[in-house]
N, C-alpha and C. Protein backbone atom coordinates (compact mmCIF):
# COMPACT_ATOMS: atom_id res chain seq x y z
N MET A 1 20.96 -10.26 -1.05
CA MET A 1 21.50 -9.03 -1.63
C MET A 1 20.40 -7.99 -1.76
N ILE A 2 20.68 -6.79 -1.28
CA ILE A 2 19.70 -5.70 -1.33
C ILE A 2 19.70 -5.06 -2.71
N MET A 3 18.49 -4.91 -3.28
CA MET A 3 18.35 -4.26 -4.59
C MET A 3 17.96 -2.80 -4.40
N LYS A 4 18.67 -1.91 -5.08
CA LYS A 4 18.35 -0.49 -5.05
C LYS A 4 17.33 -0.21 -6.14
N ILE A 5 16.21 0.38 -5.76
CA ILE A 5 15.10 0.63 -6.70
C ILE A 5 14.66 2.09 -6.62
N LEU A 6 14.41 2.67 -7.78
CA LEU A 6 13.84 4.01 -7.86
C LEU A 6 12.32 3.90 -7.92
N ILE A 7 11.64 4.63 -7.04
CA ILE A 7 10.19 4.75 -7.09
C ILE A 7 9.86 6.03 -7.85
N GLY A 8 9.11 5.90 -8.93
CA GLY A 8 8.87 7.04 -9.81
C GLY A 8 7.86 8.03 -9.26
N THR A 9 8.20 8.64 -8.12
CA THR A 9 7.34 9.65 -7.51
C THR A 9 8.20 10.63 -6.73
N LYS A 10 7.71 11.88 -6.65
CA LYS A 10 8.37 12.87 -5.81
C LYS A 10 7.68 12.99 -4.46
N ASN A 11 6.62 12.23 -4.28
CA ASN A 11 5.85 12.23 -3.05
C ASN A 11 6.56 11.37 -2.00
N GLN A 12 7.12 12.00 -0.99
CA GLN A 12 7.91 11.27 0.00
C GLN A 12 7.03 10.34 0.83
N ALA A 13 5.80 10.74 1.10
CA ALA A 13 4.90 9.88 1.86
C ALA A 13 4.62 8.59 1.09
N LYS A 14 4.41 8.72 -0.21
CA LYS A 14 4.18 7.54 -1.04
C LYS A 14 5.43 6.67 -1.08
N ALA A 15 6.60 7.29 -1.18
CA ALA A 15 7.86 6.53 -1.20
C ALA A 15 8.04 5.75 0.10
N ARG A 16 7.68 6.38 1.22
CA ARG A 16 7.79 5.68 2.51
C ARG A 16 6.83 4.50 2.58
N GLU A 17 5.62 4.69 2.04
CA GLU A 17 4.65 3.60 2.02
C GLU A 17 5.17 2.44 1.18
N MET A 18 5.77 2.74 0.04
CA MET A 18 6.30 1.69 -0.82
C MET A 18 7.49 0.98 -0.16
N LYS A 19 8.28 1.71 0.57
CA LYS A 19 9.41 1.10 1.27
C LYS A 19 8.91 0.09 2.30
N GLU A 20 7.83 0.46 3.00
CA GLU A 20 7.26 -0.45 3.99
C GLU A 20 6.71 -1.70 3.31
N ILE A 21 6.08 -1.54 2.14
CA ILE A 21 5.50 -2.67 1.43
C ILE A 21 6.59 -3.58 0.86
N LEU A 22 7.61 -2.99 0.24
CA LEU A 22 8.64 -3.78 -0.42
C LEU A 22 9.56 -4.48 0.57
N GLY A 23 9.76 -3.89 1.74
CA GLY A 23 10.54 -4.56 2.77
C GLY A 23 12.03 -4.28 2.72
N GLU A 24 12.75 -4.93 3.61
CA GLU A 24 14.18 -4.66 3.82
C GLU A 24 15.07 -5.19 2.71
N GLU A 25 14.51 -5.96 1.79
CA GLU A 25 15.32 -6.49 0.69
C GLU A 25 15.59 -5.44 -0.38
N PHE A 26 14.95 -4.27 -0.24
CA PHE A 26 15.08 -3.22 -1.25
C PHE A 26 15.50 -1.90 -0.61
N GLU A 27 16.44 -1.22 -1.27
CA GLU A 27 16.81 0.14 -0.89
C GLU A 27 16.03 1.09 -1.80
N ILE A 28 15.23 1.96 -1.21
CA ILE A 28 14.31 2.79 -1.98
C ILE A 28 14.86 4.19 -2.18
N VAL A 29 14.83 4.64 -3.44
CA VAL A 29 15.16 6.01 -3.81
C VAL A 29 13.93 6.58 -4.52
N SER A 30 13.60 7.84 -4.26
CA SER A 30 12.48 8.47 -4.96
C SER A 30 13.00 9.58 -5.87
N LEU A 31 12.13 10.10 -6.72
CA LEU A 31 12.52 11.19 -7.62
C LEU A 31 12.94 12.43 -6.84
N ALA A 32 12.43 12.57 -5.62
CA ALA A 32 12.81 13.72 -4.79
C ALA A 32 14.29 13.68 -4.42
N ASP A 33 14.89 12.48 -4.51
CA ASP A 33 16.31 12.32 -4.19
C ASP A 33 17.21 12.61 -5.38
N LEU A 34 16.61 12.77 -6.57
CA LEU A 34 17.39 12.93 -7.79
C LEU A 34 17.13 14.30 -8.41
N PRO A 35 18.11 15.19 -8.40
CA PRO A 35 17.90 16.50 -9.01
C PRO A 35 17.70 16.39 -10.52
N ASN A 36 16.90 17.30 -11.05
CA ASN A 36 16.66 17.39 -12.49
C ASN A 36 15.91 16.19 -13.07
N ALA A 37 15.19 15.46 -12.21
CA ALA A 37 14.39 14.36 -12.73
C ALA A 37 13.34 14.91 -13.68
N PRO A 38 13.18 14.31 -14.85
CA PRO A 38 12.25 14.86 -15.85
C PRO A 38 10.79 14.57 -15.51
N ASP A 39 9.90 15.37 -16.05
CA ASP A 39 8.48 15.05 -16.01
C ASP A 39 8.18 14.18 -17.22
N VAL A 40 7.41 13.14 -17.01
CA VAL A 40 7.10 12.20 -18.09
C VAL A 40 5.64 12.38 -18.48
N GLU A 41 5.40 12.65 -19.76
CA GLU A 41 4.04 12.83 -20.25
C GLU A 41 3.30 11.49 -20.25
N GLU A 42 2.14 11.47 -19.63
CA GLU A 42 1.33 10.26 -19.58
C GLU A 42 0.46 10.19 -20.84
N SER A 43 1.08 9.77 -21.92
CA SER A 43 0.42 9.78 -23.23
C SER A 43 -0.20 8.44 -23.60
N GLY A 44 -0.13 7.47 -22.71
CA GLY A 44 -0.68 6.15 -23.01
C GLY A 44 -2.19 6.13 -23.01
N ARG A 45 -2.75 5.12 -23.64
CA ARG A 45 -4.20 4.97 -23.71
C ARG A 45 -4.76 4.13 -22.57
N THR A 46 -3.86 3.50 -21.80
CA THR A 46 -4.28 2.68 -20.68
C THR A 46 -3.37 2.96 -19.49
N PHE A 47 -3.80 2.52 -18.31
CA PHE A 47 -2.97 2.65 -17.12
C PHE A 47 -1.66 1.88 -17.31
N GLU A 48 -1.76 0.69 -17.93
CA GLU A 48 -0.56 -0.11 -18.17
C GLU A 48 0.46 0.64 -19.02
N GLU A 49 -0.01 1.26 -20.10
CA GLU A 49 0.90 1.99 -20.98
C GLU A 49 1.57 3.14 -20.24
N ASN A 50 0.80 3.87 -19.45
CA ASN A 50 1.38 5.00 -18.73
C ASN A 50 2.39 4.55 -17.68
N ALA A 51 2.07 3.48 -16.95
CA ALA A 51 2.99 2.98 -15.94
C ALA A 51 4.30 2.52 -16.58
N LYS A 52 4.20 1.83 -17.72
CA LYS A 52 5.39 1.37 -18.42
C LYS A 52 6.21 2.54 -18.96
N LEU A 53 5.52 3.54 -19.54
CA LEU A 53 6.22 4.71 -20.06
C LEU A 53 7.06 5.36 -18.97
N LYS A 54 6.48 5.54 -17.80
CA LYS A 54 7.18 6.19 -16.70
C LYS A 54 8.31 5.33 -16.17
N ALA A 55 8.07 4.03 -16.04
CA ALA A 55 9.13 3.14 -15.55
C ALA A 55 10.33 3.15 -16.48
N GLU A 56 10.09 3.10 -17.79
CA GLU A 56 11.19 3.11 -18.76
C GLU A 56 11.91 4.46 -18.75
N ALA A 57 11.16 5.55 -18.73
CA ALA A 57 11.76 6.88 -18.79
C ALA A 57 12.62 7.16 -17.56
N TYR A 58 12.11 6.80 -16.38
CA TYR A 58 12.88 7.07 -15.17
C TYR A 58 14.07 6.12 -15.03
N HIS A 59 13.94 4.91 -15.58
CA HIS A 59 15.10 4.02 -15.61
C HIS A 59 16.18 4.58 -16.53
N ASP A 60 15.77 5.06 -17.69
CA ASP A 60 16.74 5.64 -18.63
C ASP A 60 17.44 6.84 -18.01
N PHE A 61 16.70 7.63 -17.24
CA PHE A 61 17.28 8.81 -16.60
C PHE A 61 18.25 8.44 -15.47
N SER A 62 17.86 7.47 -14.66
CA SER A 62 18.61 7.17 -13.44
C SER A 62 19.59 6.01 -13.56
N GLY A 63 19.32 5.09 -14.49
CA GLY A 63 20.12 3.88 -14.57
C GLY A 63 19.75 2.85 -13.52
N LEU A 64 18.72 3.14 -12.73
CA LEU A 64 18.30 2.23 -11.66
C LEU A 64 17.07 1.42 -12.06
N PRO A 65 16.93 0.20 -11.55
CA PRO A 65 15.66 -0.49 -11.68
C PRO A 65 14.56 0.41 -11.13
N THR A 66 13.46 0.53 -11.85
CA THR A 66 12.48 1.55 -11.52
C THR A 66 11.07 0.98 -11.46
N ILE A 67 10.30 1.49 -10.49
CA ILE A 67 8.88 1.16 -10.39
C ILE A 67 8.09 2.45 -10.56
N ALA A 68 7.05 2.40 -11.39
CA ALA A 68 6.14 3.53 -11.56
C ALA A 68 4.72 3.00 -11.60
N ASP A 69 3.77 3.87 -11.34
CA ASP A 69 2.37 3.42 -11.35
C ASP A 69 1.47 4.43 -12.03
N ASP A 70 0.27 3.97 -12.33
CA ASP A 70 -0.78 4.84 -12.84
C ASP A 70 -2.10 4.20 -12.46
N GLY A 71 -3.14 5.00 -12.34
CA GLY A 71 -4.44 4.44 -11.97
C GLY A 71 -5.49 5.51 -11.95
N GLY A 72 -6.71 5.08 -11.65
CA GLY A 72 -7.81 6.02 -11.61
C GLY A 72 -9.14 5.31 -11.47
N PHE A 73 -10.18 6.03 -11.82
CA PHE A 73 -11.55 5.57 -11.65
C PHE A 73 -12.10 5.12 -13.00
N GLU A 74 -12.73 3.94 -13.02
CA GLU A 74 -13.28 3.37 -14.25
C GLU A 74 -14.76 3.04 -14.05
N ILE A 75 -15.60 3.52 -14.96
CA ILE A 75 -17.03 3.27 -14.90
C ILE A 75 -17.41 2.38 -16.08
N ASP A 76 -17.97 1.21 -15.79
CA ASP A 76 -18.19 0.21 -16.83
C ASP A 76 -19.07 0.70 -17.97
N VAL A 77 -20.21 1.31 -17.64
CA VAL A 77 -21.17 1.71 -18.67
C VAL A 77 -20.61 2.82 -19.57
N LEU A 78 -19.57 3.50 -19.10
CA LEU A 78 -18.93 4.55 -19.90
C LEU A 78 -17.66 4.04 -20.59
N GLY A 79 -17.54 2.72 -20.70
CA GLY A 79 -16.40 2.15 -21.39
C GLY A 79 -15.08 2.33 -20.65
N GLY A 80 -15.17 2.46 -19.32
CA GLY A 80 -13.95 2.61 -18.53
C GLY A 80 -13.56 4.05 -18.25
N GLU A 81 -14.33 5.01 -18.77
CA GLU A 81 -14.04 6.41 -18.45
C GLU A 81 -14.38 6.69 -16.98
N PRO A 82 -13.72 7.70 -16.39
CA PRO A 82 -12.73 8.59 -16.99
C PRO A 82 -11.36 7.95 -17.22
N GLY A 83 -11.02 6.88 -16.50
CA GLY A 83 -9.78 6.16 -16.76
C GLY A 83 -8.58 7.08 -16.83
N VAL A 84 -7.79 6.93 -17.90
CA VAL A 84 -6.56 7.71 -18.04
C VAL A 84 -6.85 9.18 -18.32
N LEU A 85 -8.09 9.51 -18.69
CA LEU A 85 -8.42 10.92 -18.94
C LEU A 85 -8.32 11.74 -17.66
N SER A 86 -8.76 11.15 -16.55
CA SER A 86 -8.63 11.77 -15.24
C SER A 86 -9.02 13.23 -15.27
N ARG A 87 -8.08 14.12 -14.98
CA ARG A 87 -8.36 15.55 -14.88
C ARG A 87 -8.72 16.18 -16.22
N ARG A 88 -8.48 15.49 -17.32
CA ARG A 88 -8.83 16.04 -18.63
C ARG A 88 -10.28 15.79 -19.00
N TRP A 89 -10.93 14.91 -18.28
CA TRP A 89 -12.25 14.40 -18.68
C TRP A 89 -13.27 15.49 -18.93
N PRO A 90 -13.58 16.35 -17.95
CA PRO A 90 -14.61 17.36 -18.20
C PRO A 90 -14.23 18.41 -19.23
N SER A 91 -12.95 18.56 -19.51
CA SER A 91 -12.53 19.62 -20.43
C SER A 91 -12.33 19.13 -21.86
N MET A 92 -12.55 17.83 -22.11
CA MET A 92 -12.29 17.31 -23.45
C MET A 92 -13.18 17.98 -24.50
N ALA A 93 -14.44 18.28 -24.16
CA ALA A 93 -15.33 18.95 -25.12
C ALA A 93 -14.78 20.31 -25.49
N GLU A 94 -14.20 21.00 -24.53
CA GLU A 94 -13.61 22.30 -24.80
C GLU A 94 -12.39 22.17 -25.70
N VAL A 95 -11.59 21.11 -25.48
CA VAL A 95 -10.41 20.89 -26.31
C VAL A 95 -10.81 20.62 -27.75
N ILE A 96 -11.86 19.82 -27.92
CA ILE A 96 -12.36 19.52 -29.26
C ILE A 96 -12.78 20.80 -29.98
N GLU A 97 -13.31 21.75 -29.23
CA GLU A 97 -13.73 23.03 -29.80
C GLU A 97 -12.56 23.97 -30.06
N GLY A 98 -11.35 23.52 -29.74
CA GLY A 98 -10.18 24.33 -30.01
C GLY A 98 -9.68 25.14 -28.83
N LYS A 99 -10.32 24.98 -27.67
CA LYS A 99 -9.88 25.69 -26.48
C LYS A 99 -8.70 24.94 -25.84
N PRO A 100 -7.83 25.63 -25.13
CA PRO A 100 -6.68 24.96 -24.52
C PRO A 100 -7.11 24.02 -23.40
N TRP A 101 -6.30 22.97 -23.22
CA TRP A 101 -6.58 22.02 -22.14
C TRP A 101 -6.42 22.71 -20.79
N ARG A 102 -7.31 22.35 -19.87
CA ARG A 102 -7.19 22.84 -18.50
C ARG A 102 -7.48 21.70 -17.54
N GLU A 103 -6.95 21.81 -16.34
CA GLU A 103 -7.17 20.77 -15.34
C GLU A 103 -8.53 20.97 -14.69
N ALA A 104 -9.30 19.91 -14.62
CA ALA A 104 -10.63 19.99 -14.02
C ALA A 104 -10.53 20.03 -12.50
N THR A 105 -11.53 20.62 -11.88
CA THR A 105 -11.59 20.64 -10.43
C THR A 105 -12.23 19.36 -9.91
N ASP A 106 -12.07 19.10 -8.63
CA ASP A 106 -12.72 17.95 -8.00
C ASP A 106 -14.23 18.01 -8.21
N GLU A 107 -14.78 19.20 -8.02
CA GLU A 107 -16.22 19.38 -8.13
C GLU A 107 -16.72 19.10 -9.55
N GLU A 108 -15.95 19.52 -10.56
CA GLU A 108 -16.34 19.26 -11.94
C GLU A 108 -16.34 17.77 -12.24
N LEU A 109 -15.38 17.06 -11.71
CA LEU A 109 -15.30 15.61 -11.94
C LEU A 109 -16.50 14.90 -11.33
N VAL A 110 -16.85 15.28 -10.12
CA VAL A 110 -18.01 14.68 -9.46
C VAL A 110 -19.29 15.02 -10.22
N GLU A 111 -19.44 16.29 -10.58
CA GLU A 111 -20.64 16.74 -11.29
C GLU A 111 -20.80 16.02 -12.62
N MET A 112 -19.71 15.85 -13.36
CA MET A 112 -19.80 15.20 -14.66
C MET A 112 -20.13 13.72 -14.51
N THR A 113 -19.57 13.07 -13.50
CA THR A 113 -19.88 11.66 -13.26
C THR A 113 -21.36 11.46 -13.00
N LEU A 114 -21.92 12.26 -12.11
CA LEU A 114 -23.33 12.13 -11.77
C LEU A 114 -24.23 12.48 -12.96
N GLU A 115 -23.81 13.46 -13.74
CA GLU A 115 -24.59 13.85 -14.92
C GLU A 115 -24.64 12.73 -15.94
N LYS A 116 -23.51 12.09 -16.20
CA LYS A 116 -23.45 11.03 -17.19
C LYS A 116 -24.25 9.80 -16.77
N LEU A 117 -24.40 9.59 -15.45
CA LEU A 117 -25.10 8.40 -14.96
C LEU A 117 -26.51 8.73 -14.47
N SER A 118 -26.95 9.94 -14.72
CA SER A 118 -28.26 10.37 -14.24
C SER A 118 -29.37 9.43 -14.71
N GLY A 119 -30.18 8.95 -13.77
CA GLY A 119 -31.31 8.10 -14.09
C GLY A 119 -30.98 6.64 -14.29
N MET A 120 -29.72 6.27 -14.26
CA MET A 120 -29.34 4.88 -14.48
C MET A 120 -29.54 4.06 -13.20
N PRO A 121 -30.03 2.82 -13.35
CA PRO A 121 -30.20 1.95 -12.18
C PRO A 121 -28.85 1.47 -11.65
N ARG A 122 -28.86 0.94 -10.46
CA ARG A 122 -27.63 0.54 -9.80
C ARG A 122 -26.82 -0.45 -10.61
N ASP A 123 -27.49 -1.40 -11.28
CA ASP A 123 -26.73 -2.43 -12.00
C ASP A 123 -25.98 -1.86 -13.19
N LEU A 124 -26.23 -0.61 -13.56
CA LEU A 124 -25.49 0.03 -14.64
C LEU A 124 -24.49 1.05 -14.10
N ARG A 125 -24.32 1.08 -12.78
CA ARG A 125 -23.45 2.08 -12.16
C ARG A 125 -22.19 1.46 -11.56
N SER A 126 -21.87 0.23 -12.00
CA SER A 126 -20.68 -0.44 -11.47
C SER A 126 -19.41 0.32 -11.88
N ALA A 127 -18.45 0.34 -10.97
CA ALA A 127 -17.22 1.10 -11.19
C ALA A 127 -16.08 0.48 -10.40
N HIS A 128 -14.88 0.95 -10.69
CA HIS A 128 -13.69 0.37 -10.08
C HIS A 128 -12.63 1.46 -9.84
N LEU A 129 -11.97 1.38 -8.71
CA LEU A 129 -10.73 2.12 -8.51
C LEU A 129 -9.61 1.16 -8.86
N THR A 130 -8.78 1.54 -9.82
CA THR A 130 -7.78 0.64 -10.37
C THR A 130 -6.39 1.25 -10.29
N THR A 131 -5.40 0.40 -10.04
CA THR A 131 -4.01 0.84 -10.10
C THR A 131 -3.18 -0.20 -10.85
N VAL A 132 -2.20 0.28 -11.59
CA VAL A 132 -1.24 -0.59 -12.29
C VAL A 132 0.16 -0.14 -11.90
N VAL A 133 1.00 -1.09 -11.50
CA VAL A 133 2.39 -0.79 -11.20
C VAL A 133 3.27 -1.52 -12.19
N ALA A 134 4.37 -0.86 -12.60
CA ALA A 134 5.28 -1.44 -13.58
C ALA A 134 6.72 -1.35 -13.06
N PHE A 135 7.49 -2.38 -13.32
CA PHE A 135 8.91 -2.44 -12.96
C PHE A 135 9.72 -2.63 -14.23
N PHE A 136 10.81 -1.85 -14.37
CA PHE A 136 11.69 -2.00 -15.51
C PHE A 136 13.13 -1.85 -15.06
N ASP A 137 13.97 -2.81 -15.43
CA ASP A 137 15.38 -2.76 -15.04
C ASP A 137 16.32 -2.75 -16.25
N GLY A 138 15.77 -2.44 -17.42
CA GLY A 138 16.57 -2.45 -18.63
C GLY A 138 16.39 -3.73 -19.42
N THR A 139 15.90 -4.76 -18.76
CA THR A 139 15.67 -6.06 -19.40
C THR A 139 14.25 -6.54 -19.19
N ARG A 140 13.87 -6.62 -17.93
CA ARG A 140 12.54 -7.13 -17.59
C ARG A 140 11.54 -5.99 -17.43
N MET A 141 10.37 -6.16 -18.01
CA MET A 141 9.23 -5.29 -17.76
C MET A 141 8.16 -6.14 -17.10
N LEU A 142 7.83 -5.80 -15.85
CA LEU A 142 6.84 -6.54 -15.09
C LEU A 142 5.69 -5.60 -14.72
N THR A 143 4.46 -6.09 -14.77
CA THR A 143 3.32 -5.27 -14.40
C THR A 143 2.36 -6.05 -13.51
N ALA A 144 1.67 -5.32 -12.64
CA ALA A 144 0.62 -5.90 -11.81
C ALA A 144 -0.54 -4.92 -11.76
N ARG A 145 -1.74 -5.44 -11.88
CA ARG A 145 -2.96 -4.62 -11.89
C ARG A 145 -3.92 -5.13 -10.82
N GLU A 146 -4.48 -4.22 -10.04
CA GLU A 146 -5.46 -4.58 -9.03
C GLU A 146 -6.54 -3.50 -8.98
N SER A 147 -7.74 -3.92 -8.58
CA SER A 147 -8.87 -3.00 -8.50
C SER A 147 -9.69 -3.28 -7.25
N VAL A 148 -10.46 -2.28 -6.83
CA VAL A 148 -11.51 -2.47 -5.84
C VAL A 148 -12.82 -2.12 -6.52
N ASP A 149 -13.83 -2.97 -6.34
CA ASP A 149 -15.07 -2.85 -7.10
C ASP A 149 -16.20 -2.27 -6.26
N GLY A 150 -17.06 -1.51 -6.91
CA GLY A 150 -18.20 -0.93 -6.22
C GLY A 150 -19.17 -0.31 -7.21
N PHE A 151 -19.90 0.68 -6.74
CA PHE A 151 -20.91 1.36 -7.56
C PHE A 151 -20.81 2.87 -7.36
N VAL A 152 -21.25 3.61 -8.36
CA VAL A 152 -21.35 5.06 -8.22
C VAL A 152 -22.66 5.38 -7.52
N ALA A 153 -22.58 6.10 -6.43
CA ALA A 153 -23.78 6.46 -5.67
C ALA A 153 -24.66 7.43 -6.48
N ASN A 154 -25.92 7.54 -6.08
CA ASN A 154 -26.84 8.44 -6.78
C ASN A 154 -26.51 9.91 -6.55
N LYS A 155 -25.86 10.19 -5.44
CA LYS A 155 -25.41 11.54 -5.16
C LYS A 155 -24.11 11.48 -4.37
N ALA A 156 -23.34 12.52 -4.48
CA ALA A 156 -22.03 12.56 -3.82
C ALA A 156 -22.13 13.22 -2.46
N ALA A 157 -21.25 12.80 -1.57
CA ALA A 157 -21.10 13.46 -0.28
C ALA A 157 -20.07 14.58 -0.42
N PRO A 158 -20.00 15.50 0.52
CA PRO A 158 -18.94 16.50 0.47
C PRO A 158 -17.57 15.83 0.42
N ILE A 159 -16.70 16.32 -0.45
CA ILE A 159 -15.38 15.72 -0.63
C ILE A 159 -14.53 15.94 0.61
N LYS A 160 -14.04 14.86 1.20
CA LYS A 160 -13.26 14.96 2.42
C LYS A 160 -11.78 15.18 2.18
N GLU A 161 -11.28 14.70 1.04
CA GLU A 161 -9.85 14.77 0.78
C GLU A 161 -9.61 15.37 -0.60
N LYS A 162 -9.04 16.54 -0.64
CA LYS A 162 -8.79 17.23 -1.90
C LYS A 162 -7.90 16.37 -2.80
N GLY A 163 -8.27 16.29 -4.07
CA GLY A 163 -7.50 15.50 -5.03
C GLY A 163 -8.03 14.09 -5.22
N PHE A 164 -9.04 13.71 -4.40
CA PHE A 164 -9.62 12.36 -4.50
C PHE A 164 -11.15 12.47 -4.58
N PRO A 165 -11.65 13.10 -5.64
CA PRO A 165 -13.10 13.37 -5.72
C PRO A 165 -13.96 12.12 -5.83
N PHE A 166 -13.47 11.09 -6.53
CA PHE A 166 -14.32 9.93 -6.77
C PHE A 166 -14.59 9.14 -5.50
N ARG A 167 -13.76 9.30 -4.49
CA ARG A 167 -14.00 8.62 -3.23
C ARG A 167 -15.28 9.12 -2.55
N ALA A 168 -15.74 10.30 -2.96
CA ALA A 168 -16.94 10.89 -2.37
C ALA A 168 -18.23 10.37 -3.00
N LEU A 169 -18.12 9.53 -4.04
CA LEU A 169 -19.32 8.96 -4.65
C LEU A 169 -19.17 7.48 -4.98
N PHE A 170 -18.05 6.89 -4.55
CA PHE A 170 -17.78 5.47 -4.83
C PHE A 170 -18.26 4.64 -3.65
N LEU A 171 -19.34 3.89 -3.87
CA LEU A 171 -20.00 3.12 -2.83
C LEU A 171 -19.51 1.67 -2.83
N LEU A 172 -19.09 1.19 -1.67
CA LEU A 172 -18.65 -0.19 -1.53
C LEU A 172 -19.75 -0.98 -0.83
N PRO A 173 -20.42 -1.89 -1.55
CA PRO A 173 -21.60 -2.58 -1.00
C PRO A 173 -21.29 -3.46 0.20
N GLN A 174 -20.06 -4.02 0.28
CA GLN A 174 -19.74 -4.91 1.40
C GLN A 174 -19.70 -4.16 2.73
N PHE A 175 -19.50 -2.84 2.67
CA PHE A 175 -19.48 -2.03 3.88
C PHE A 175 -20.70 -1.11 3.98
N GLY A 176 -21.40 -0.94 2.86
CA GLY A 176 -22.55 -0.05 2.85
C GLY A 176 -22.18 1.39 3.09
N LYS A 177 -21.01 1.79 2.62
CA LYS A 177 -20.56 3.17 2.82
C LYS A 177 -19.65 3.60 1.68
N LEU A 178 -19.42 4.90 1.60
CA LEU A 178 -18.54 5.44 0.58
C LEU A 178 -17.08 5.12 0.90
N TYR A 179 -16.28 5.08 -0.15
CA TYR A 179 -14.85 4.79 0.02
C TYR A 179 -14.20 5.75 1.00
N GLN A 180 -14.55 7.02 0.91
CA GLN A 180 -13.91 8.01 1.76
C GLN A 180 -14.31 7.88 3.24
N ASP A 181 -15.35 7.09 3.51
CA ASP A 181 -15.82 6.91 4.88
C ASP A 181 -15.32 5.63 5.53
N LEU A 182 -14.48 4.87 4.82
CA LEU A 182 -13.97 3.61 5.38
C LEU A 182 -13.09 3.87 6.60
N THR A 183 -13.17 2.96 7.56
CA THR A 183 -12.25 3.01 8.69
C THR A 183 -10.87 2.54 8.22
N PRO A 184 -9.81 2.80 8.98
CA PRO A 184 -8.49 2.31 8.58
C PRO A 184 -8.45 0.81 8.34
N ASP A 185 -9.14 0.03 9.18
CA ASP A 185 -9.15 -1.43 9.00
C ASP A 185 -9.90 -1.83 7.73
N GLU A 186 -11.01 -1.14 7.44
CA GLU A 186 -11.77 -1.44 6.23
C GLU A 186 -10.96 -1.06 4.99
N HIS A 187 -10.29 0.09 5.05
CA HIS A 187 -9.46 0.50 3.91
C HIS A 187 -8.35 -0.51 3.66
N LYS A 188 -7.74 -1.00 4.72
CA LYS A 188 -6.67 -1.99 4.57
C LYS A 188 -7.20 -3.25 3.90
N GLU A 189 -8.43 -3.61 4.20
CA GLU A 189 -9.04 -4.82 3.64
C GLU A 189 -9.20 -4.74 2.13
N VAL A 190 -9.46 -3.52 1.61
CA VAL A 190 -9.72 -3.38 0.17
C VAL A 190 -8.62 -2.60 -0.55
N ASN A 191 -7.48 -2.40 0.10
CA ASN A 191 -6.41 -1.57 -0.46
C ASN A 191 -5.81 -2.23 -1.71
N HIS A 192 -6.33 -1.82 -2.88
CA HIS A 192 -5.89 -2.42 -4.14
C HIS A 192 -4.46 -2.02 -4.49
N ARG A 193 -4.04 -0.82 -4.09
CA ARG A 193 -2.67 -0.38 -4.38
C ARG A 193 -1.68 -1.27 -3.65
N ARG A 194 -1.96 -1.58 -2.40
CA ARG A 194 -1.05 -2.44 -1.64
C ARG A 194 -0.97 -3.84 -2.27
N ARG A 195 -2.12 -4.37 -2.69
CA ARG A 195 -2.13 -5.70 -3.32
C ARG A 195 -1.27 -5.70 -4.58
N ALA A 196 -1.39 -4.63 -5.38
CA ALA A 196 -0.61 -4.55 -6.62
C ALA A 196 0.88 -4.52 -6.32
N TRP A 197 1.28 -3.72 -5.34
CA TRP A 197 2.71 -3.60 -5.01
C TRP A 197 3.25 -4.92 -4.43
N LEU A 198 2.44 -5.61 -3.64
CA LEU A 198 2.89 -6.89 -3.10
C LEU A 198 3.06 -7.93 -4.22
N ARG A 199 2.14 -7.94 -5.18
CA ARG A 199 2.28 -8.86 -6.32
C ARG A 199 3.53 -8.54 -7.11
N LEU A 200 3.76 -7.25 -7.34
CA LEU A 200 4.94 -6.85 -8.11
C LEU A 200 6.22 -7.22 -7.38
N ARG A 201 6.23 -7.07 -6.07
CA ARG A 201 7.41 -7.45 -5.28
C ARG A 201 7.77 -8.91 -5.51
N GLU A 202 6.76 -9.79 -5.51
CA GLU A 202 7.04 -11.21 -5.72
C GLU A 202 7.53 -11.47 -7.14
N MET A 203 7.03 -10.74 -8.12
CA MET A 203 7.52 -10.88 -9.49
C MET A 203 8.98 -10.47 -9.60
N ILE A 204 9.33 -9.37 -8.96
CA ILE A 204 10.71 -8.88 -9.01
C ILE A 204 11.67 -9.90 -8.40
N LYS A 205 11.24 -10.53 -7.32
CA LYS A 205 12.10 -11.47 -6.61
C LYS A 205 12.20 -12.82 -7.32
N ALA A 206 11.21 -13.13 -8.18
CA ALA A 206 11.20 -14.42 -8.86
C ALA A 206 12.30 -14.48 -9.91
N PRO A 207 12.94 -15.63 -10.09
CA PRO A 207 13.95 -15.78 -11.15
C PRO A 207 13.33 -15.44 -12.50
N ALA A 208 14.11 -14.76 -13.33
CA ALA A 208 13.61 -14.30 -14.63
C ALA A 208 13.11 -15.44 -15.49
N ALA A 209 13.70 -16.62 -15.32
CA ALA A 209 13.34 -17.75 -16.16
C ALA A 209 11.93 -18.29 -15.82
N LYS A 210 11.45 -17.94 -14.60
CA LYS A 210 10.14 -18.41 -14.19
C LYS A 210 9.11 -17.33 -14.44
N SER A 211 8.35 -17.49 -15.49
CA SER A 211 7.35 -16.49 -15.86
C SER A 211 6.26 -16.41 -14.81
N VAL A 212 5.84 -15.20 -14.50
CA VAL A 212 4.77 -14.97 -13.55
C VAL A 212 3.61 -14.33 -14.29
N GLU A 213 2.39 -14.77 -14.01
CA GLU A 213 1.22 -14.22 -14.68
C GLU A 213 1.18 -12.70 -14.45
N GLY A 214 0.96 -11.96 -15.51
CA GLY A 214 0.93 -10.50 -15.42
C GLY A 214 2.25 -9.88 -15.79
N ALA A 215 3.30 -10.71 -15.97
CA ALA A 215 4.62 -10.18 -16.30
C ALA A 215 4.83 -10.17 -17.80
N THR A 216 5.57 -9.20 -18.27
CA THR A 216 5.98 -9.17 -19.66
C THR A 216 7.48 -8.99 -19.69
N VAL A 217 8.15 -9.74 -20.50
CA VAL A 217 9.61 -9.67 -20.57
C VAL A 217 10.02 -9.32 -21.99
C-alpha cells in the first residue's frame, strides 16, 4: 500500500530528491502543492525540536503524515554553535543591544566563524554538518539524526554556492579538501542528509509495536 506523505518544504528540487530516496512506496506532496501553507517559526533550541515543530504543524495543517527537517553547522569548542542560530548568529549581539534582528550574510557567517576560532589548534576546531528529520502522522513521532565530521579550516575559500557558507571552510580530513570541493562521488559517500532520510524511511515502514532506536512515540 502506497503511503501519501507531505514533505515540509516548498523547494521542489528537495522534494524530488526526497521522492527518489523514499522510493515508490510513498506518494510525495510538498508545501508547494498546498496553497496557503503556513510558515512555521523555528523556535526550538535544537535541530530535533525544530524538525518536530514543523512536522507537527504541517501535519495539523494538511492532515497528512508529514516529514520535516532542520540542520546546520556545529562547532564543538563553541558548544555546538552556530547550530540552530544559523543566520541569527552574527546579529545576536545587536539584538541584545535592542536592535532588530536581521539575517546575516554568508560572508558575515564565515568571518565570525574564523574570528571565534582564531589561533586555535586543529584539535579544537572539530565541527559537524548535522541534519535531523522528523516524521509525524498524528500518533507516531519518529526522528533520525546524522552528521558528517570534519574541522574548520584556518581560512576560508571563496564561497562557491550562495546560501552554504560553511562549506567554504569545512575541511574533511579523509579527502583532504573542503566540503564544497568534493566530487559527486565523494559527496555521495558522506551525504549525511541521505543517510538520515534512509534511516527515517525504515522507521516509518517498521510496525509501530517494534521500537526503533532514535524513534519517539
